[in-house]
Amino acid sequence: MARPTSPIRRSPAAPMGRAASRLQQAIAPEAASERLQKALASAGIGSRREMEEWIAEGRVQVNGETATIGSKVGPRDVVKVSGRRVYLRFDEKPPAS
């Protein structure tokens, strides 16, 4: 007995469900990480040198742990400065031509 074909067809461009989108995020290649002091300076919090001082003083946390100078952060990391969460932007860099 043959199965009847479903009248509903999903195109490849159709939006995915929550589970499928999370799976795709989990298996996607990790975005490029950036040095913490550079990411904080790019966010406009202060100069890169000033951010290095704050990191050395222990005022910056990444994922609940005190950060160290040269730590790398990515889009999934939670960064806090003096107990307040900071949202960082990570722009995709175009390939060098």
Protein backbone atom coordinates (compact mmCIF):
# COMPACT_ATOMS: atom_id res chain seq x y z
CA MET A 1 0.00 0.00 0.00
CA ALA A 2 1.57 3.27 -1.09
CA ARG A 3 1.52 6.31 1.13
CA PRO A 4 -0.38 9.29 -0.17
CA THR A 5 1.83 12.26 -0.83
CA SER A 6 1.41 15.17 1.48
CA PRO A 7 -0.16 18.25 -0.06
CA ILE A 8 2.03 20.43 2.16
CA ARG A 9 5.53 20.93 0.87
CA ARG A 10 8.15 23.04 2.57
CA SER A 11 10.41 25.02 0.36
CA PRO A 12 14.08 25.24 1.37
CA ALA A 13 13.57 28.97 1.97
CA ALA A 14 10.68 28.39 4.38
CA PRO A 15 11.31 29.47 7.98
CA MET A 16 12.55 26.73 10.27
CA GLY A 17 11.10 25.67 13.56
CA ARG A 18 12.82 26.53 16.83
CA ALA A 19 14.48 23.13 17.22
CA ALA A 20 15.85 23.14 13.68
CA SER A 21 17.22 26.65 14.01
CA ARG A 22 18.94 25.81 17.32
CA LEU A 23 20.44 22.71 15.78
CA GLN A 24 21.75 24.76 12.88
CA GLN A 25 23.29 27.28 15.31
CA ALA A 26 24.91 24.47 17.29
CA ILE A 27 26.56 22.87 14.28
CA ALA A 28 27.44 26.15 12.55
CA PRO A 29 31.13 27.06 12.55
CA GLU A 30 32.01 29.27 15.48
CA ALA A 31 32.19 32.95 14.66
CA ALA A 32 35.59 34.55 14.88
CA SER A 33 36.51 35.55 18.40
CA GLU A 34 38.13 38.83 19.32
CA ARG A 35 40.39 39.96 22.16
CA LEU A 36 38.29 41.16 25.09
CA GLN A 37 39.91 44.57 25.47
CA LYS A 38 39.46 45.29 21.76
CA ALA A 39 35.79 44.22 21.82
CA LEU A 40 35.10 46.43 24.87
CA ALA A 41 36.84 49.40 23.25
CA SER A 42 34.86 48.85 20.04
CA ALA A 43 31.66 48.93 22.11
CA GLY A 44 32.60 52.45 23.21
CA ILE A 45 33.12 51.72 26.89
CA GLY A 46 36.63 53.17 26.93
CA SER A 47 40.01 53.03 25.27
CA ARG A 48 41.76 49.71 24.73
CA ARG A 49 44.45 50.64 27.29
CA GLU A 50 41.80 51.62 29.83
CA MET A 51 40.02 48.29 29.25
CA GLU A 52 43.31 46.48 29.88
CA GLU A 53 43.57 48.27 33.23
CA TRP A 54 40.00 47.34 34.15
CA ILE A 55 40.64 43.69 33.23
CA ALA A 56 43.83 43.67 35.36
CA GLU A 57 41.86 45.17 38.28
CA GLY A 58 39.30 42.36 38.02
CA ARG A 59 36.36 44.59 37.05
CA VAL A 60 35.51 42.50 33.96
CA GLN A 61 33.89 39.06 33.93
CA VAL A 62 33.32 36.68 31.04
CA ASN A 63 30.76 33.92 31.55
CA GLY A 64 30.86 34.44 35.32
CA GLU A 65 34.65 34.20 35.66
CA THR A 66 37.10 37.06 36.15
CA ALA A 67 38.69 37.86 32.81
CA THR A 68 42.40 38.04 32.06
CA ILE A 69 44.19 40.28 29.57
CA GLY A 70 44.17 38.67 26.16
CA SER A 71 41.03 36.61 26.78
CA LYS A 72 39.06 35.98 23.62
CA VAL A 73 35.30 36.50 23.47
CA GLY A 74 32.70 35.56 20.89
CA PRO A 75 29.04 36.27 20.23
CA ARG A 76 27.84 33.65 22.73
CA ASP A 77 29.89 34.94 25.68
CA VAL A 78 28.30 36.97 28.48
CA VAL A 79 30.50 39.94 29.39
CA LYS A 80 29.99 42.04 32.52
CA VAL A 81 31.84 45.20 33.51
CA SER A 82 31.49 46.21 37.17
CA GLY A 83 28.54 43.83 37.49
CA ARG A 84 26.61 45.25 34.52
CA ARG A 85 26.11 43.24 31.35
CA VAL A 86 27.68 44.64 28.20
CA TYR A 87 26.38 43.70 24.76
CA LEU A 88 29.18 43.42 22.21
CA ARG A 89 28.85 43.48 18.43
CA PHE A 90 30.80 41.10 16.28
CA ASP A 91 30.83 42.12 12.64
CA GLU A 92 31.72 39.66 9.95
CA LYS A 93 34.91 40.82 8.29
CA PRO A 94 34.91 40.64 4.49
CA PRO A 95 37.57 38.37 3.03
CA ALA A 96 40.77 40.13 2.02
CA SER A 97 41.05 40.55 -1.70
